Amino acid sequence: MRAKFVGSLLIAIIVFTEKNLCQSFSESVKPFISVSADTFALTDVKLIDGTGGPAKDHQTILVEHGRIIQVGEKSAIRVPAGTNIIPCSGKTVIPGMVMMHEHMYYGESVRPFYIVVEMPVSFPGLYLAGGVTTMRTAGCVEPQTDLNLKQWIDEGQIIGPDIDVTAP
């Protein structure tokens, strides 16, 4: 009897945790999401794999449950029936970049002053658009702003890379 109760409790915890760990996105982020399925295939893409080798044309990238499970020549990858196929002719896929010294402000020297402008609205989206999927800030002028940005991105309220904030 006790084992059934513990088993039921564990299942309830797992179900509750899985439901609450799934990220939901705000209305301001949804326009940036064109595919919300966790299983899909990118076909006929040019692939730069980050190894230093030459780019590979006509590749297929098969993603199942949010994980890349197969990459190869378009003709060699068998895409399961019912999979969302995204044709990518003329497009290039690169690995997400991890940046280690980034700022959320723009600085300009106007002698004898140094002018700093925090850019919390545009910088997260610009980093992401440039291929940055993870970044570490390396100093800031508004630490709470950087912490808020991280929280809002993690909650799906705004778009941006995963941010490791170095302050306060």
Protein backbone atom coordinates (compact mmCIF):
# COMPACT_ATOMS: atom_id res chain seq x y z
CA MET A 1 0.00 0.00 0.00
CA ARG A 2 2.79 2.41 0.97
CA ALA A 3 4.71 1.58 -2.25
CA LYS A 4 1.61 2.45 -4.35
CA PHE A 5 1.25 5.78 -2.51
CA VAL A 6 4.93 6.66 -3.01
CA GLY A 7 4.73 5.62 -6.67
CA SER A 8 1.61 7.74 -7.22
CA LEU A 9 3.26 10.67 -5.45
CA LEU A 10 6.36 10.39 -7.66
CA ILE A 11 4.24 10.30 -10.81
CA ALA A 12 2.27 13.35 -9.64
CA ILE A 13 5.52 15.25 -8.93
CA ILE A 14 6.95 14.34 -12.35
CA VAL A 15 3.77 15.38 -14.18
CA PHE A 16 3.52 18.63 -12.20
CA THR A 17 7.21 19.42 -12.75
CA GLU A 18 7.10 18.67 -16.49
CA LYS A 19 4.03 20.87 -16.96
CA ASN A 20 5.63 23.76 -15.12
CA LEU A 21 9.04 23.44 -16.76
CA CYS A 22 7.63 23.78 -20.27
CA GLN A 23 8.28 27.31 -21.40
CA SER A 24 5.34 29.38 -22.52
CA PHE A 25 5.86 32.54 -24.47
CA SER A 26 4.26 35.95 -24.16
CA GLU A 27 2.34 37.55 -27.02
CA SER A 28 5.34 39.82 -27.73
CA VAL A 29 7.61 36.79 -28.27
CA LYS A 30 5.22 34.61 -30.32
CA PRO A 31 5.73 36.55 -33.59
CA PHE A 32 9.37 35.39 -33.54
CA ILE A 33 8.39 31.71 -33.38
CA SER A 34 7.45 30.20 -36.72
CA VAL A 35 7.71 26.54 -35.68
CA SER A 36 6.59 25.46 -32.24
CA ALA A 37 6.76 21.70 -32.83
CA ASP A 38 9.53 19.87 -31.01
CA THR A 39 9.89 17.39 -33.90
CA PHE A 40 10.81 18.68 -37.37
CA ALA A 41 13.27 18.36 -40.24
CA LEU A 42 15.28 21.17 -41.84
CA THR A 43 15.88 20.04 -45.43
CA ASP A 44 18.25 21.17 -48.18
CA VAL A 45 20.18 23.44 -45.81
CA LYS A 46 23.79 24.57 -46.03
CA LEU A 47 25.47 23.42 -42.80
CA ILE A 48 28.48 24.94 -41.10
CA ASP A 49 29.19 22.47 -38.30
CA GLY A 50 31.77 24.46 -36.35
CA THR A 51 34.61 21.96 -36.80
CA GLY A 52 36.54 24.18 -39.22
CA GLY A 53 35.69 21.97 -42.18
CA PRO A 54 34.02 23.32 -45.31
CA ALA A 55 30.32 24.10 -45.38
CA LYS A 56 28.15 21.19 -46.52
CA ASP A 57 25.33 21.82 -49.00
CA HIS A 58 22.03 19.91 -49.30
CA GLN A 59 21.94 18.65 -45.71
CA THR A 60 18.97 17.53 -43.62
CA ILE A 61 18.82 18.08 -39.87
CA LEU A 62 16.28 15.88 -38.10
CA VAL A 63 15.11 17.07 -34.68
CA GLU A 64 12.97 14.86 -32.44
CA HIS A 65 11.62 16.05 -29.11
CA GLY A 66 13.90 19.09 -29.20
CA ARG A 67 17.13 17.16 -29.85
CA ILE A 68 19.10 16.81 -33.05
CA ILE A 69 19.12 13.08 -33.75
CA GLN A 70 20.43 12.92 -37.31
CA VAL A 71 22.37 15.12 -39.74
CA GLY A 72 23.44 14.18 -43.24
CA GLU A 73 22.98 14.43 -46.97
CA LYS A 74 19.40 15.26 -47.89
CA SER A 75 19.10 12.03 -49.87
CA ALA A 76 20.47 9.87 -47.02
CA ILE A 77 18.19 10.98 -44.18
CA ARG A 78 14.82 9.30 -43.90
CA VAL A 79 12.30 11.72 -42.41
CA PRO A 80 9.51 9.88 -40.54
CA ALA A 81 5.99 10.29 -41.87
CA GLY A 82 4.09 13.13 -40.24
CA THR A 83 7.22 15.12 -39.38
CA ASN A 84 6.99 18.86 -39.98
CA ILE A 85 9.36 19.49 -42.92
CA ILE A 86 10.89 22.95 -43.23
CA PRO A 87 12.49 23.54 -46.66
CA CYS A 88 15.69 25.57 -46.20
CA SER A 89 17.10 25.95 -49.71
CA GLY A 90 19.28 29.06 -49.76
CA LYS A 91 19.59 29.13 -45.96
CA THR A 92 22.59 28.34 -43.73
CA VAL A 93 22.61 26.76 -40.28
CA ILE A 94 25.46 27.43 -37.86
CA PRO A 95 26.04 26.26 -34.29
CA GLY A 96 24.79 28.68 -31.65
CA MET A 97 27.60 30.93 -30.50
CA VAL A 98 28.59 31.17 -26.85
CA MET A 99 29.95 34.63 -26.12
CA MET A 100 32.02 35.24 -23.00
CA HIS A 101 32.49 39.03 -22.78
CA GLU A 102 29.31 40.89 -23.64
CA HIS A 103 27.56 44.01 -22.45
CA MET A 104 23.99 45.28 -22.52
CA TYR A 105 25.14 48.85 -23.01
CA TYR A 106 26.80 50.93 -25.68
CA GLY A 107 29.68 53.17 -24.68
CA GLU A 108 31.17 56.10 -26.55
CA SER A 109 34.07 58.30 -25.67
CA VAL A 110 33.32 62.00 -26.10
CA ARG A 111 36.31 63.66 -24.53
CA PRO A 112 36.58 64.30 -21.69
CA PHE A 113 33.55 62.07 -20.99
CA TYR A 114 32.59 58.45 -21.53
CA ILE A 115 28.89 58.18 -22.29
CA VAL A 116 27.10 54.91 -21.58
CA VAL A 117 23.61 53.98 -22.75
CA GLU A 118 21.94 50.79 -21.50
CA MET A 119 20.23 48.95 -24.41
CA PRO A 120 17.84 46.45 -22.72
CA VAL A 121 15.21 46.55 -25.45
CA SER A 122 17.32 45.99 -28.55
CA PHE A 123 20.49 44.17 -27.46
CA PRO A 124 18.97 40.77 -26.43
CA GLY A 125 17.23 40.40 -29.79
CA LEU A 126 20.27 41.62 -31.72
CA TYR A 127 22.54 39.12 -29.97
CA LEU A 128 20.10 36.31 -30.77
CA ALA A 129 19.73 37.46 -34.40
CA GLY A 130 23.52 37.37 -34.70
CA GLY A 131 23.62 33.70 -33.70
CA VAL A 132 24.41 34.10 -29.99
CA THR A 133 22.49 31.48 -28.02
CA THR A 134 24.39 31.84 -24.73
CA MET A 135 26.29 34.80 -23.34
CA ARG A 136 28.06 35.95 -20.21
CA THR A 137 27.93 39.61 -19.37
CA ALA A 138 31.28 41.13 -18.48
CA GLY A 139 30.38 44.15 -16.47
CA CYS A 140 27.38 46.40 -16.53
CA VAL A 141 26.15 49.85 -15.67
CA GLU A 142 22.71 48.69 -14.47
CA PRO A 143 23.08 45.30 -12.75
CA GLN A 144 19.38 44.99 -11.91
CA THR A 145 18.48 45.61 -15.55
CA ASP A 146 20.71 42.72 -16.65
CA LEU A 147 19.18 40.47 -13.98
CA ASN A 148 15.67 41.47 -15.09
CA LEU A 149 16.53 40.77 -18.75
CA LYS A 150 17.76 37.29 -17.83
CA GLN A 151 14.56 36.60 -15.88
CA TRP A 152 12.29 37.89 -18.66
CA ILE A 153 14.11 35.80 -21.29
CA ASP A 154 13.97 32.70 -19.05
CA GLU A 155 10.23 33.28 -18.55
CA GLY A 156 9.60 33.72 -22.30
CA GLN A 157 8.53 37.36 -21.89
CA ILE A 158 11.16 38.70 -24.35
CA ILE A 159 13.47 37.12 -26.88
CA GLY A 160 17.18 36.79 -26.29
CA PRO A 161 19.99 34.35 -25.58
CA ASP A 162 20.52 32.50 -22.34
CA ILE A 163 22.36 35.06 -20.19
CA ASP A 164 24.81 34.39 -17.36
CA VAL A 165 24.88 37.71 -15.51
CA THR A 166 28.13 38.65 -13.76
CA ALA A 167 26.64 41.25 -11.44
CA PRO A 168 25.87 42.21 -8.78
